[in-house]
Amino acid sequence: MQSSSNTYDTKNIFAKILNKEIPAKTIYENEYVLAFYDVAPKAPIHALIIPKNPYISYDDFAQRAAPEEIVALTKAVSHVANLLDLKEKGYRIISNIGKNAGQEIFHFHIHILGGEKLPFI
């Protein structure tokens, strides 16, 4: 697990995926975001959506991202849920911010979980 800091780690796994150093099973991509399947799913359907620019966490993204990046990511969450046929039955979105919340990769990302009844949290 990486340690969090105020400096973006250009060698994190999501940076490597964006640089095509590591393959990912892409669900959706545009100029601002990439969505792909999680390799260690926590539900029958588990997707990740990441911005293409280097943001450490949601807080970093909210403070520094351009308005068009924020809109693109927000719309991508809904679009990917639709592509995965999750809208009617429901889905969960999660973003862990910081080590104490369980963030393991310090590149901002949103999880989309669905495909079954999820436990109440």
PDB file of N, CA and C in Angstrom:
ATOM      1  N   MET A   1       0.846  -1.176   0.000  1.00  0.00           N
ATOM      2  CA  MET A   1       0.000   0.000   0.000  1.00  0.00           C
ATOM      3  C   MET A   1       0.891   1.238   0.000  1.00  0.00           C
ATOM      4  N   GLN A   2       0.535   2.205  -0.811  1.00  0.00           N
ATOM      5  CA  GLN A   2       1.272   3.457  -0.859  1.00  0.00           C
ATOM      6  C   GLN A   2       0.932   4.287   0.367  1.00  0.00           C
ATOM      7  N   SER A   3       1.797   5.186   0.711  1.00  0.00           N
ATOM      8  CA  SER A   3       1.450   6.135   1.758  1.00  0.00           C
ATOM      9  C   SER A   3       0.896   7.389   1.105  1.00  0.00           C
ATOM     10  N   SER A   4      -0.028   8.034   1.811  1.00  0.00           N
ATOM     11  CA  SER A   4      -0.605   9.260   1.261  1.00  0.00           C
ATOM     12  C   SER A   4       0.341  10.425   1.516  1.00  0.00           C
ATOM     13  N   SER A   5       0.285  11.399   0.673  1.00  0.00           N
ATOM     14  CA  SER A   5       1.073  12.616   0.836  1.00  0.00           C
ATOM     15  C   SER A   5       0.431  13.676  -0.039  1.00  0.00           C
ATOM     16  N   ASN A   6       1.020  14.819  -0.041  1.00  0.00           N
ATOM     17  CA  ASN A   6       0.517  15.892  -0.892  1.00  0.00           C
ATOM     18  C   ASN A   6       1.106  15.823  -2.284  1.00  0.00           C
ATOM     19  N   THR A   7       1.970  14.851  -2.538  1.00  0.00           N
ATOM     20  CA  THR A   7       2.621  14.694  -3.834  1.00  0.00           C
ATOM     21  C   THR A   7       2.042  13.486  -4.547  1.00  0.00           C
ATOM     22  N   TYR A   8       1.614  13.694  -5.761  1.00  0.00           N
ATOM     23  CA  TYR A   8       1.054  12.611  -6.565  1.00  0.00           C
ATOM     24  C   TYR A   8       2.154  11.637  -6.969  1.00  0.00           C
ATOM     25  N   ASP A   9       1.917  10.355  -6.775  1.00  0.00           N
ATOM     26  CA  ASP A   9       2.861   9.305  -7.152  1.00  0.00           C
ATOM     27  C   ASP A   9       2.599   8.888  -8.598  1.00  0.00           C
ATOM     28  N   THR A  10       3.479   9.257  -9.486  1.00  0.00           N
ATOM     29  CA  THR A  10       3.305   8.954 -10.914  1.00  0.00           C
ATOM     30  C   THR A  10       3.496   7.476 -11.236  1.00  0.00           C
ATOM     31  N   LYS A  11       3.876   6.676 -10.255  1.00  0.00           N
ATOM     32  CA  LYS A  11       4.076   5.232 -10.446  1.00  0.00           C
ATOM     33  C   LYS A  11       2.923   4.408  -9.867  1.00  0.00           C
ATOM     34  N   ASN A  12       1.833   5.058  -9.409  1.00  0.00           N
ATOM     35  CA  ASN A  12       0.721   4.284  -8.861  1.00  0.00           C
ATOM     36  C   ASN A  12       0.049   3.476  -9.972  1.00  0.00           C
ATOM     37  N   ILE A  13      -0.687   2.451  -9.589  1.00  0.00           N
ATOM     38  CA  ILE A  13      -1.246   1.526 -10.573  1.00  0.00           C
ATOM     39  C   ILE A  13      -2.194   2.215 -11.560  1.00  0.00           C
ATOM     40  N   PHE A  14      -2.961   3.208 -11.109  1.00  0.00           N
ATOM     41  CA  PHE A  14      -3.879   3.885 -12.026  1.00  0.00           C
ATOM     42  C   PHE A  14      -3.115   4.750 -13.017  1.00  0.00           C
ATOM     43  N   ALA A  15      -2.029   5.364 -12.586  1.00  0.00           N
ATOM     44  CA  ALA A  15      -1.181   6.116 -13.522  1.00  0.00           C
ATOM     45  C   ALA A  15      -0.615   5.164 -14.576  1.00  0.00           C
ATOM     46  N   LYS A  16      -0.229   3.971 -14.144  1.00  0.00           N
ATOM     47  CA  LYS A  16       0.298   2.979 -15.087  1.00  0.00           C
ATOM     48  C   LYS A  16      -0.777   2.499 -16.053  1.00  0.00           C
ATOM     49  N   ILE A  17      -2.002   2.366 -15.576  1.00  0.00           N
ATOM     50  CA  ILE A  17      -3.114   1.997 -16.471  1.00  0.00           C
ATOM     51  C   ILE A  17      -3.342   3.113 -17.487  1.00  0.00           C
ATOM     52  N   LEU A  18      -3.369   4.358 -17.023  1.00  0.00           N
ATOM     53  CA  LEU A  18      -3.569   5.488 -17.936  1.00  0.00           C
ATOM     54  C   LEU A  18      -2.450   5.592 -18.969  1.00  0.00           C
ATOM     55  N   ASN A  19      -1.234   5.224 -18.578  1.00  0.00           N
ATOM     56  CA  ASN A  19      -0.088   5.265 -19.489  1.00  0.00           C
ATOM     57  C   ASN A  19       0.049   3.999 -20.329  1.00  0.00           C
ATOM     58  N   LYS A  20      -0.930   3.093 -20.215  1.00  0.00           N
ATOM     59  CA  LYS A  20      -0.960   1.829 -20.967  1.00  0.00           C
ATOM     60  C   LYS A  20       0.199   0.903 -20.614  1.00  0.00           C
ATOM     61  N   GLU A  21       0.769   1.081 -19.421  1.00  0.00           N
ATOM     62  CA  GLU A  21       1.820   0.183 -18.946  1.00  0.00           C
ATOM     63  C   GLU A  21       1.216  -1.091 -18.367  1.00  0.00           C
ATOM     64  N   ILE A  22      -0.018  -0.988 -17.893  1.00  0.00           N
ATOM     65  CA  ILE A  22      -0.763  -2.115 -17.333  1.00  0.00           C
ATOM     66  C   ILE A  22      -2.114  -2.150 -18.042  1.00  0.00           C
ATOM     67  N   PRO A  23      -2.547  -3.322 -18.505  1.00  0.00           N
ATOM     68  CA  PRO A  23      -3.844  -3.393 -19.190  1.00  0.00           C
ATOM     69  C   PRO A  23      -5.015  -3.298 -18.201  1.00  0.00           C
ATOM     70  N   ALA A  24      -6.131  -2.829 -18.706  1.00  0.00           N
ATOM     71  CA  ALA A  24      -7.379  -2.790 -17.942  1.00  0.00           C
ATOM     72  C   ALA A  24      -8.515  -3.095 -18.905  1.00  0.00           C
ATOM     73  N   LYS A  25      -9.563  -3.693 -18.385  1.00  0.00           N
ATOM     74  CA  LYS A  25     -10.737  -3.997 -19.196  1.00  0.00           C
ATOM     75  C   LYS A  25     -11.647  -2.764 -19.193  1.00  0.00           C
ATOM     76  N   THR A  26     -11.509  -1.964 -20.242  1.00  0.00           N
ATOM     77  CA  THR A  26     -12.196  -0.680 -20.329  1.00  0.00           C
ATOM     78  C   THR A  26     -13.697  -0.846 -20.539  1.00  0.00           C
ATOM     79  N   ILE A  27     -14.455  -0.048 -19.804  1.00  0.00           N
ATOM     80  CA  ILE A  27     -15.907   0.025 -19.951  1.00  0.00           C
ATOM     81  C   ILE A  27     -16.281   1.279 -20.732  1.00  0.00           C
ATOM     82  N   TYR A  28     -15.595   2.385 -20.424  1.00  0.00           N
ATOM     83  CA  TYR A  28     -15.920   3.680 -21.020  1.00  0.00           C
ATOM     84  C   TYR A  28     -14.685   4.573 -20.903  1.00  0.00           C
ATOM     85  N   GLU A  29     -14.522   5.440 -21.903  1.00  0.00           N
ATOM     86  CA  GLU A  29     -13.426   6.394 -21.873  1.00  0.00           C
ATOM     87  C   GLU A  29     -13.816   7.627 -22.665  1.00  0.00           C
ATOM     88  N   ASN A  30     -13.423   8.791 -22.150  1.00  0.00           N
ATOM     89  CA  ASN A  30     -13.511  10.027 -22.917  1.00  0.00           C
ATOM     90  C   ASN A  30     -12.242  10.828 -22.635  1.00  0.00           C
ATOM     91  N   GLU A  31     -12.198  12.075 -23.019  1.00  0.00           N
ATOM     92  CA  GLU A  31     -10.959  12.828 -22.854  1.00  0.00           C
ATOM     93  C   GLU A  31     -10.605  13.115 -21.396  1.00  0.00           C
ATOM     94  N   TYR A  32     -11.563  12.974 -20.474  1.00  0.00           N
ATOM     95  CA  TYR A  32     -11.336  13.317 -19.072  1.00  0.00           C
ATOM     96  C   TYR A  32     -11.280  12.132 -18.121  1.00  0.00           C
ATOM     97  N   VAL A  33     -11.932  11.020 -18.455  1.00  0.00           N
ATOM     98  CA  VAL A  33     -12.048   9.900 -17.518  1.00  0.00           C
ATOM     99  C   VAL A  33     -11.825   8.561 -18.210  1.00  0.00           C
ATOM    100  N   LEU A  34     -11.513   7.565 -17.390  1.00  0.00           N
ATOM    101  CA  LEU A  34     -11.421   6.182 -17.829  1.00  0.00           C
ATOM    102  C   LEU A  34     -12.200   5.342 -16.821  1.00  0.00           C
ATOM    103  N   ALA A  35     -13.059   4.460 -17.318  1.00  0.00           N
ATOM    104  CA  ALA A  35     -13.802   3.533 -16.464  1.00  0.00           C
ATOM    105  C   ALA A  35     -13.419   2.117 -16.873  1.00  0.00           C
ATOM    106  N   PHE A  36     -13.181   1.278 -15.879  1.00  0.00           N
ATOM    107  CA  PHE A  36     -12.766  -0.097 -16.148  1.00  0.00           C
ATOM    108  C   PHE A  36     -13.202  -0.993 -14.991  1.00  0.00           C
ATOM    109  N   TYR A  37     -13.154  -2.300 -15.226  1.00  0.00           N
ATOM    110  CA  TYR A  37     -13.537  -3.265 -14.204  1.00  0.00           C
ATOM    111  C   TYR A  37     -12.434  -3.399 -13.157  1.00  0.00           C
ATOM    112  N   ASP A  38     -12.832  -3.506 -11.892  1.00  0.00           N
ATOM    113  CA  ASP A  38     -11.899  -3.739 -10.795  1.00  0.00           C
ATOM    114  C   ASP A  38     -11.376  -5.168 -10.890  1.00  0.00           C
ATOM    115  N   VAL A  39     -10.081  -5.355 -10.706  1.00  0.00           N
ATOM    116  CA  VAL A  39      -9.503  -6.705 -10.795  1.00  0.00           C
ATOM    117  C   VAL A  39      -9.736  -7.527  -9.531  1.00  0.00           C
ATOM    118  N   ALA A  40     -10.166  -6.884  -8.453  1.00  0.00           N
ATOM    119  CA  ALA A  40     -10.488  -7.573  -7.201  1.00  0.00           C
ATOM    120  C   ALA A  40     -11.888  -7.152  -6.772  1.00  0.00           C
ATOM    121  N   PRO A  41     -12.919  -7.587  -7.512  1.00  0.00           N
ATOM    122  CA  PRO A  41     -14.275  -7.090  -7.274  1.00  0.00           C
ATOM    123  C   PRO A  41     -14.826  -7.442  -5.895  1.00  0.00           C
ATOM    124  N   LYS A  42     -15.578  -6.490  -5.339  1.00  0.00           N
ATOM    125  CA  LYS A  42     -16.247  -6.667  -4.049  1.00  0.00           C
ATOM    126  C   LYS A  42     -17.743  -6.897  -4.228  1.00  0.00           C
ATOM    127  N   ALA A  43     -18.198  -6.985  -5.462  1.00  0.00           N
ATOM    128  CA  ALA A  43     -19.602  -7.255  -5.806  1.00  0.00           C
ATOM    129  C   ALA A  43     -19.582  -7.884  -7.200  1.00  0.00           C
ATOM    130  N   PRO A  44     -20.703  -8.505  -7.618  1.00  0.00           N
ATOM    131  CA  PRO A  44     -20.724  -9.103  -8.956  1.00  0.00           C
ATOM    132  C   PRO A  44     -20.344  -8.123 -10.066  1.00  0.00           C
ATOM    133  N   ILE A  45     -20.725  -6.873  -9.907  1.00  0.00           N
ATOM    134  CA  ILE A  45     -20.293  -5.826 -10.834  1.00  0.00           C
ATOM    135  C   ILE A  45     -19.543  -4.790 -10.007  1.00  0.00           C
ATOM    136  N   HIS A  46     -18.293  -4.561 -10.376  1.00  0.00           N
ATOM    137  CA  HIS A  46     -17.458  -3.606  -9.647  1.00  0.00           C
ATOM    138  C   HIS A  46     -16.587  -2.872 -10.668  1.00  0.00           C
ATOM    139  N   ALA A  47     -16.932  -1.619 -10.899  1.00  0.00           N
ATOM    140  CA  ALA A  47     -16.205  -0.781 -11.849  1.00  0.00           C
ATOM    141  C   ALA A  47     -15.503   0.349 -11.104  1.00  0.00           C
ATOM    142  N   LEU A  48     -14.472   0.870 -11.726  1.00  0.00           N
ATOM    143  CA  LEU A  48     -13.750   2.031 -11.211  1.00  0.00           C
ATOM    144  C   LEU A  48     -13.785   3.124 -12.262  1.00  0.00           C
ATOM    145  N   ILE A  49     -13.936   4.350 -11.807  1.00  0.00           N
ATOM    146  CA  ILE A  49     -13.871   5.509 -12.706  1.00  0.00           C
ATOM    147  C   ILE A  49     -12.792   6.425 -12.157  1.00  0.00           C
ATOM    148  N   ILE A  50     -11.850   6.784 -13.025  1.00  0.00           N
ATOM    149  CA  ILE A  50     -10.747   7.644 -12.610  1.00  0.00           C
ATOM    150  C   ILE A  50     -10.627   8.830 -13.568  1.00  0.00           C
ATOM    151  N   PRO A  51     -10.263   9.991 -13.022  1.00  0.00           N
ATOM    152  CA  PRO A  51      -9.939  11.098 -13.915  1.00  0.00           C
ATOM    153  C   PRO A  51      -8.588  10.823 -14.571  1.00  0.00           C
ATOM    154  N   LYS A  52      -8.391  11.355 -15.753  1.00  0.00           N
ATOM    155  CA  LYS A  52      -7.124  11.150 -16.449  1.00  0.00           C
ATOM    156  C   LYS A  52      -6.009  12.043 -15.913  1.00  0.00           C
ATOM    157  N   ASN A  53      -6.367  13.132 -15.267  1.00  0.00           N
ATOM    158  CA  ASN A  53      -5.362  14.001 -14.677  1.00  0.00           C
ATOM    159  C   ASN A  53      -5.007  13.518 -13.273  1.00  0.00           C
ATOM    160  N   PRO A  54      -3.829  13.887 -12.775  1.00  0.00           N
ATOM    161  CA  PRO A  54      -3.326  13.364 -11.500  1.00  0.00           C
ATOM    162  C   PRO A  54      -3.898  14.058 -10.268  1.00  0.00           C
ATOM    163  N   TYR A  55      -4.929  13.464  -9.699  1.00  0.00           N
ATOM    164  CA  TYR A  55      -5.509  13.939  -8.446  1.00  0.00           C
ATOM    165  C   TYR A  55      -5.366  12.837  -7.414  1.00  0.00           C
ATOM    166  N   ILE A  56      -4.997  13.186  -6.208  1.00  0.00           N
ATOM    167  CA  ILE A  56      -4.736  12.209  -5.162  1.00  0.00           C
ATOM    168  C   ILE A  56      -6.029  11.649  -4.580  1.00  0.00           C
ATOM    169  N   SER A  57      -7.023  12.512  -4.373  1.00  0.00           N
ATOM    170  CA  SER A  57      -8.252  12.110  -3.686  1.00  0.00           C
ATOM    171  C   SER A  57      -9.414  12.975  -4.183  1.00  0.00           C
ATOM    172  N   TYR A  58     -10.603  12.671  -3.676  1.00  0.00           N
ATOM    173  CA  TYR A  58     -11.770  13.490  -4.000  1.00  0.00           C
ATOM    174  C   TYR A  58     -11.524  14.941  -3.590  1.00  0.00           C
ATOM    175  N   ASP A  59     -10.962  15.145  -2.407  1.00  0.00           N
ATOM    176  CA  ASP A  59     -10.698  16.512  -1.948  1.00  0.00           C
ATOM    177  C   ASP A  59      -9.781  17.260  -2.912  1.00  0.00           C
ATOM    178  N   ASP A  60      -8.731  16.595  -3.343  1.00  0.00           N
ATOM    179  CA  ASP A  60      -7.790  17.190  -4.297  1.00  0.00           C
ATOM    180  C   ASP A  60      -8.509  17.511  -5.613  1.00  0.00           C
ATOM    181  N   PHE A  61      -9.301  16.558  -6.093  1.00  0.00           N
ATOM    182  CA  PHE A  61     -10.068  16.739  -7.330  1.00  0.00           C
ATOM    183  C   PHE A  61     -11.037  17.914  -7.201  1.00  0.00           C
ATOM    184  N   ALA A  62     -11.783  17.975  -6.109  1.00  0.00           N
ATOM    185  CA  ALA A  62     -12.765  19.045  -5.903  1.00  0.00           C
ATOM    186  C   ALA A  62     -12.110  20.426  -5.860  1.00  0.00           C
ATOM    187  N   GLN A  63     -10.897  20.488  -5.328  1.00  0.00           N
ATOM    188  CA  GLN A  63     -10.197  21.769  -5.213  1.00  0.00           C
ATOM    189  C   GLN A  63      -9.499  22.203  -6.501  1.00  0.00           C
ATOM    190  N   ARG A  64      -8.953  21.256  -7.259  1.00  0.00           N
ATOM    191  CA  ARG A  64      -8.082  21.624  -8.383  1.00  0.00           C
ATOM    192  C   ARG A  64      -8.623  21.331  -9.772  1.00  0.00           C
ATOM    193  N   ALA A  65      -9.603  20.447  -9.893  1.00  0.00           N
ATOM    194  CA  ALA A  65     -10.079  20.066 -11.231  1.00  0.00           C
ATOM    195  C   ALA A  65     -10.831  21.212 -11.898  1.00  0.00           C
ATOM    196  N   ALA A  66     -10.705  21.266 -13.204  1.00  0.00           N
ATOM    197  CA  ALA A  66     -11.454  22.247 -13.989  1.00  0.00           C
ATOM    198  C   ALA A  66     -12.935  21.852 -13.984  1.00  0.00           C
ATOM    199  N   PRO A  67     -13.824  22.828 -14.108  1.00  0.00           N
ATOM    200  CA  PRO A  67     -15.251  22.513 -14.107  1.00  0.00           C
ATOM    201  C   PRO A  67     -15.643  21.441 -15.120  1.00  0.00           C
ATOM    202  N   GLU A  68     -15.027  21.450 -16.311  1.00  0.00           N
ATOM    203  CA  GLU A  68     -15.388  20.448 -17.313  1.00  0.00           C
ATOM    204  C   GLU A  68     -14.955  19.038 -16.894  1.00  0.00           C
ATOM    205  N   GLU A  69     -13.882  18.926 -16.108  1.00  0.00           N
ATOM    206  CA  GLU A  69     -13.466  17.617 -15.595  1.00  0.00           C
ATOM    207  C   GLU A  69     -14.455  17.102 -14.555  1.00  0.00           C
ATOM    208  N   ILE A  70     -14.915  17.992 -13.704  1.00  0.00           N
ATOM    209  CA  ILE A  70     -15.877  17.618 -12.659  1.00  0.00           C
ATOM    210  C   ILE A  70     -17.186  17.161 -13.293  1.00  0.00           C
ATOM    211  N   VAL A  71     -17.655  17.900 -14.274  1.00  0.00           N
ATOM    212  CA  VAL A  71     -18.890  17.521 -14.974  1.00  0.00           C
ATOM    213  C   VAL A  71     -18.694  16.187 -15.692  1.00  0.00           C
ATOM    214  N   ALA A  72     -17.574  16.021 -16.374  1.00  0.00           N
ATOM    215  CA  ALA A  72     -17.324  14.783 -17.116  1.00  0.00           C
ATOM    216  C   ALA A  72     -17.299  13.573 -16.194  1.00  0.00           C
ATOM    217  N   LEU A  73     -16.665  13.701 -15.038  1.00  0.00           N
ATOM    218  CA  LEU A  73     -16.606  12.574 -14.110  1.00  0.00           C
ATOM    219  C   LEU A  73     -17.995  12.273 -13.542  1.00  0.00           C
ATOM    220  N   THR A  74     -18.709  13.293 -13.169  1.00  0.00           N
ATOM    221  CA  THR A  74     -20.059  13.099 -12.622  1.00  0.00           C
ATOM    222  C   THR A  74     -20.966  12.413 -13.639  1.00  0.00           C
ATOM    223  N   LYS A  75     -20.935  12.873 -14.871  1.00  0.00           N
ATOM    224  CA  LYS A  75     -21.763  12.258 -15.916  1.00  0.00           C
ATOM    225  C   LYS A  75     -21.291  10.848 -16.245  1.00  0.00           C
ATOM    226  N   ALA A  76     -19.980  10.612 -16.159  1.00  0.00           N
ATOM    227  CA  ALA A  76     -19.448   9.278 -16.446  1.00  0.00           C
ATOM    228  C   ALA A  76     -19.962   8.244 -15.458  1.00  0.00           C
ATOM    229  N   VAL A  77     -20.116   8.616 -14.194  1.00  0.00           N
ATOM    230  CA  VAL A  77     -20.644   7.671 -13.198  1.00  0.00           C
ATOM    231  C   VAL A  77     -22.016   7.178 -13.628  1.00  0.00           C
ATOM    232  N   SER A  78     -22.900   8.085 -13.980  1.00  0.00           N
ATOM    233  CA  SER A  78     -24.244   7.706 -14.426  1.00  0.00           C
ATOM    234  C   SER A  78     -24.193   6.914 -15.726  1.00  0.00           C
ATOM    235  N   HIS A  79     -23.355   7.334 -16.649  1.00  0.00           N
ATOM    236  CA  HIS A  79     -23.253   6.662 -17.943  1.00  0.00           C
ATOM    237  C   HIS A  79     -22.749   5.223 -17.781  1.00  0.00           C
ATOM    238  N   VAL A  80     -21.735   5.043 -16.959  1.00  0.00           N
ATOM    239  CA  VAL A  80     -21.188   3.705 -16.733  1.00  0.00           C
ATOM    240  C   VAL A  80     -22.216   2.820 -16.033  1.00  0.00           C
ATOM    241  N   ALA A  81     -22.928   3.362 -15.061  1.00  0.00           N
ATOM    242  CA  ALA A  81     -23.991   2.584 -14.401  1.00  0.00           C
ATOM    243  C   ALA A  81     -25.027   2.137 -15.419  1.00  0.00           C
ATOM    244  N   ASN A  82     -25.344   2.996 -16.361  1.00  0.00           N
ATOM    245  CA  ASN A  82     -26.285   2.642 -17.423  1.00  0.00           C
ATOM    246  C   ASN A  82     -25.694   1.563 -18.343  1.00  0.00           C
ATOM    247  N   LEU A  83     -24.438   1.711 -18.727  1.00  0.00           N
ATOM    248  CA  LEU A  83     -23.784   0.715 -19.581  1.00  0.00           C
ATOM    249  C   LEU A  83     -23.756  -0.656 -18.910  1.00  0.00           C
ATOM    250  N   LEU A  84     -23.641  -0.663 -17.588  1.00  0.00           N
ATOM    251  CA  LEU A  84     -23.578  -1.913 -16.826  1.00  0.00           C
ATOM    252  C   LEU A  84     -24.965  -2.424 -16.431  1.00  0.00           C
ATOM    253  N   ASP A  85     -26.005  -1.744 -16.915  1.00  0.00           N
ATOM    254  CA  ASP A  85     -27.392  -2.133 -16.651  1.00  0.00           C
ATOM    255  C   ASP A  85     -27.713  -2.162 -15.151  1.00  0.00           C
ATOM    256  N   LEU A  86     -27.232  -1.148 -14.436  1.00  0.00           N
ATOM    257  CA  LEU A  86     -27.431  -1.081 -12.995  1.00  0.00           C
ATOM    258  C   LEU A  86     -28.492  -0.077 -12.552  1.00  0.00           C
ATOM    259  N   LYS A  87     -28.920   0.794 -13.435  1.00  0.00           N
ATOM    260  CA  LYS A  87     -29.802   1.890 -13.013  1.00  0.00           C
ATOM    261  C   LYS A  87     -31.114   1.416 -12.408  1.00  0.00           C
ATOM    262  N   GLU A  88     -31.740   0.430 -13.009  1.00  0.00           N
ATOM    263  CA  GLU A  88     -33.053  -0.002 -12.537  1.00  0.00           C
ATOM    264  C   GLU A  88     -32.980  -0.729 -11.193  1.00  0.00           C
ATOM    265  N   LYS A  89     -32.003  -1.593 -11.023  1.00  0.00           N
ATOM    266  CA  LYS A  89     -31.903  -2.382  -9.790  1.00  0.00           C
ATOM    267  C   LYS A  89     -31.127  -1.669  -8.689  1.00  0.00           C
ATOM    268  N   GLY A  90     -30.349  -0.668  -9.051  1.00  0.00           N
ATOM    269  CA  GLY A  90     -29.610   0.098  -8.059  1.00  0.00           C
ATOM    270  C   GLY A  90     -28.127  -0.231  -8.037  1.00  0.00           C
ATOM    271  N   TYR A  91     -27.384   0.696  -7.492  1.00  0.00           N
ATOM    272  CA  TYR A  91     -25.934   0.549  -7.385  1.00  0.00           C
ATOM    273  C   TYR A  91     -25.433   1.479  -6.301  1.00  0.00           C
ATOM    274  N   ARG A  92     -24.197   1.256  -5.897  1.00  0.00           N
ATOM    275  CA  ARG A  92     -23.559   2.080  -4.870  1.00  0.00           C
ATOM    276  C   ARG A  92     -22.320   2.722  -5.475  1.00  0.00           C
ATOM    277  N   ILE A  93     -22.078   3.989  -5.109  1.00  0.00           N
ATOM    278  CA  ILE A  93     -20.827   4.646  -5.486  1.00  0.00           C
ATOM    279  C   ILE A  93     -20.071   4.971  -4.204  1.00  0.00           C
ATOM    280  N   ILE A  94     -18.764   4.753  -4.248  1.00  0.00           N
ATOM    281  CA  ILE A  94     -17.912   4.958  -3.079  1.00  0.00           C
ATOM    282  C   ILE A  94     -16.606   5.588  -3.531  1.00  0.00           C
ATOM    283  N   SER A  95     -16.100   6.513  -2.715  1.00  0.00           N
ATOM    284  CA  SER A  95     -14.742   7.003  -2.883  1.00  0.00           C
ATOM    285  C   SER A  95     -14.129   7.119  -1.494  1.00  0.00           C
ATOM    286  N   ASN A  96     -13.071   6.370  -1.260  1.00  0.00           N
ATOM    287  CA  ASN A  96     -12.367   6.416   0.009  1.00  0.00           C
ATOM    288  C   ASN A  96     -11.345   7.550  -0.050  1.00  0.00           C
ATOM    289  N   ILE A  97     -11.301   8.363   0.996  1.00  0.00           N
ATOM    290  CA  ILE A  97     -10.387   9.493   1.024  1.00  0.00           C
ATOM    291  C   ILE A  97      -9.457   9.345   2.224  1.00  0.00           C
ATOM    292  N   GLY A  98      -8.206   9.020   1.956  1.00  0.00           N
ATOM    293  CA  GLY A  98      -7.206   8.868   3.012  1.00  0.00           C
ATOM    294  C   GLY A  98      -7.091   7.451   3.531  1.00  0.00           C
ATOM    295  N   LYS A  99      -5.950   7.173   4.173  1.00  0.00           N
ATOM    296  CA  LYS A  99      -5.657   5.846   4.692  1.00  0.00           C
ATOM    297  C   LYS A  99      -6.694   5.368   5.704  1.00  0.00           C
ATOM    298  N   ASN A 100      -7.143   6.243   6.596  1.00  0.00           N
ATOM    299  CA  ASN A 100      -8.094   5.824   7.626  1.00  0.00           C
ATOM    300  C   ASN A 100      -9.443   5.419   7.050  1.00  0.00           C
ATOM    301  N   ALA A 101      -9.750   5.873   5.854  1.00  0.00           N
ATOM    302  CA  ALA A 101     -11.007   5.504   5.190  1.00  0.00           C
ATOM    303  C   ALA A 101     -10.819   4.316   4.252  1.00  0.00           C
ATOM    304  N   GLY A 102      -9.601   3.805   4.148  1.00  0.00           N
ATOM    305  CA  GLY A 102      -9.348   2.642   3.323  1.00  0.00           C
ATOM    306  C   GLY A 102      -8.813   2.938   1.936  1.00  0.00           C
ATOM    307  N   GLN A 103      -8.425   4.195   1.662  1.00  0.00           N
ATOM    308  CA  GLN A 103      -7.855   4.479   0.344  1.00  0.00           C
ATOM    309  C   GLN A 103      -6.513   3.785   0.232  1.00  0.00           C
ATOM    310  N   GLU A 104      -6.367   2.955  -0.791  1.00  0.00           N
ATOM    311  CA  GLU A 104      -5.133   2.207  -0.999  1.00  0.00           C
ATOM    312  C   GLU A 104      -4.321   2.743  -2.172  1.00  0.00           C
ATOM    313  N   ILE A 105      -5.005   3.293  -3.154  1.00  0.00           N
ATOM    314  CA  ILE A 105      -4.328   3.858  -4.325  1.00  0.00           C
ATOM    315  C   ILE A 105      -4.610   5.348  -4.316  1.00  0.00           C
ATOM    316  N   PHE A 106      -3.545   6.134  -4.257  1.00  0.00           N
ATOM    317  CA  PHE A 106      -3.710   7.571  -4.093  1.00  0.00           C
ATOM    318  C   PHE A 106      -3.753   8.298  -5.431  1.00  0.00           C
ATOM    319  N   HIS A 107      -4.720   7.829  -6.236  1.00  0.00           N
ATOM    320  CA  HIS A 107      -5.201   8.501  -7.445  1.00  0.00           C
ATOM    321  C   HIS A 107      -6.710   8.472  -7.266  1.00  0.00           C
ATOM    322  N   PHE A 108      -7.352   9.636  -7.267  1.00  0.00           N
ATOM    323  CA  PHE A 108      -8.793   9.703  -7.037  1.00  0.00           C
ATOM    324  C   PHE A 108      -9.523   8.715  -7.921  1.00  0.00           C
ATOM    325  N   HIS A 109     -10.445   7.973  -7.309  1.00  0.00           N
ATOM    326  CA  HIS A 109     -11.260   7.017  -8.051  1.00  0.00           C
ATOM    327  C   HIS A 109     -12.593   6.811  -7.357  1.00  0.00           C
ATOM    328  N   ILE A 110     -13.573   6.476  -8.159  1.00  0.00           N
ATOM    329  CA  ILE A 110     -14.914   6.166  -7.664  1.00  0.00           C
ATOM    330  C   ILE A 110     -15.211   4.717  -8.000  1.00  0.00           C
ATOM    331  N   HIS A 111     -15.695   3.991  -7.004  1.00  0.00           N
ATOM    332  CA  HIS A 111     -16.137   2.613  -7.199  1.00  0.00           C
ATOM    333  C   HIS A 111     -17.632   2.627  -7.515  1.00  0.00           C
ATOM    334  N   ILE A 112     -18.048   1.803  -8.456  1.00  0.00           N
ATOM    335  CA  ILE A 112     -19.467   1.531  -8.704  1.00  0.00           C
ATOM    336  C   ILE A 112     -19.663   0.051  -8.414  1.00  0.00           C
ATOM    337  N   LEU A 113     -20.529  -0.244  -7.460  1.00  0.00           N
ATOM    338  CA  LEU A 113     -20.807  -1.612  -7.050  1.00  0.00           C
ATOM    339  C   LEU A 113     -22.271  -1.943  -7.300  1.00  0.00           C
ATOM    340  N   GLY A 114     -22.534  -3.138  -7.807  1.00  0.00           N
ATOM    341  CA  GLY A 114     -23.913  -3.552  -8.031  1.00  0.00           C
ATOM    342  C   GLY A 114     -23.993  -4.988  -8.494  1.00  0.00           C
ATOM    343  N   GLY A 115     -25.155  -5.348  -8.985  1.00  0.00           N
ATOM    344  CA  GLY A 115     -25.357  -6.690  -9.501  1.00  0.00           C
ATOM    345  C   GLY A 115     -25.991  -7.645  -8.511  1.00  0.00           C
ATOM    346  N   GLU A 116     -26.179  -7.181  -7.277  1.00  0.00           N
ATOM    347  CA  GLU A 116     -26.849  -7.960  -6.241  1.00  0.00           C
ATOM    348  C   GLU A 116     -27.299  -6.997  -5.144  1.00  0.00           C
ATOM    349  N   LYS A 117     -28.104  -7.494  -4.215  1.00  0.00           N
ATOM    350  CA  LYS A 117     -28.492  -6.669  -3.071  1.00  0.00           C
ATOM    351  C   LYS A 117     -27.260  -6.461  -2.212  1.00  0.00           C
ATOM    352  N   LEU A 118     -26.880  -5.229  -2.011  1.00  0.00           N
ATOM    353  CA  LEU A 118     -25.691  -4.898  -1.249  1.00  0.00           C
ATOM    354  C   LEU A 118     -26.043  -4.709   0.221  1.00  0.00           C
ATOM    355  N   PRO A 119     -25.135  -5.055   1.112  1.00  0.00           N
ATOM    356  CA  PRO A 119     -25.426  -4.879   2.539  1.00  0.00           C
ATOM    357  C   PRO A 119     -25.574  -3.397   2.893  1.00  0.00           C
ATOM    358  N   PHE A 120     -26.424  -3.128   3.847  1.00  0.00           N
ATOM    359  CA  PHE A 120     -26.633  -1.760   4.326  1.00  0.00           C
ATOM    360  C   PHE A 120     -25.363  -1.302   5.018  1.00  0.00           C
ATOM    361  N   ILE A 121     -24.972  -0.041   4.752  1.00  0.00           N
ATOM    362  CA  ILE A 121     -23.797   0.507   5.453  1.00  0.00           C
ATOM    363  C   ILE A 121     -24.175   1.740   6.229  1.00  0.00           C
TER     364      ILE A 121
END
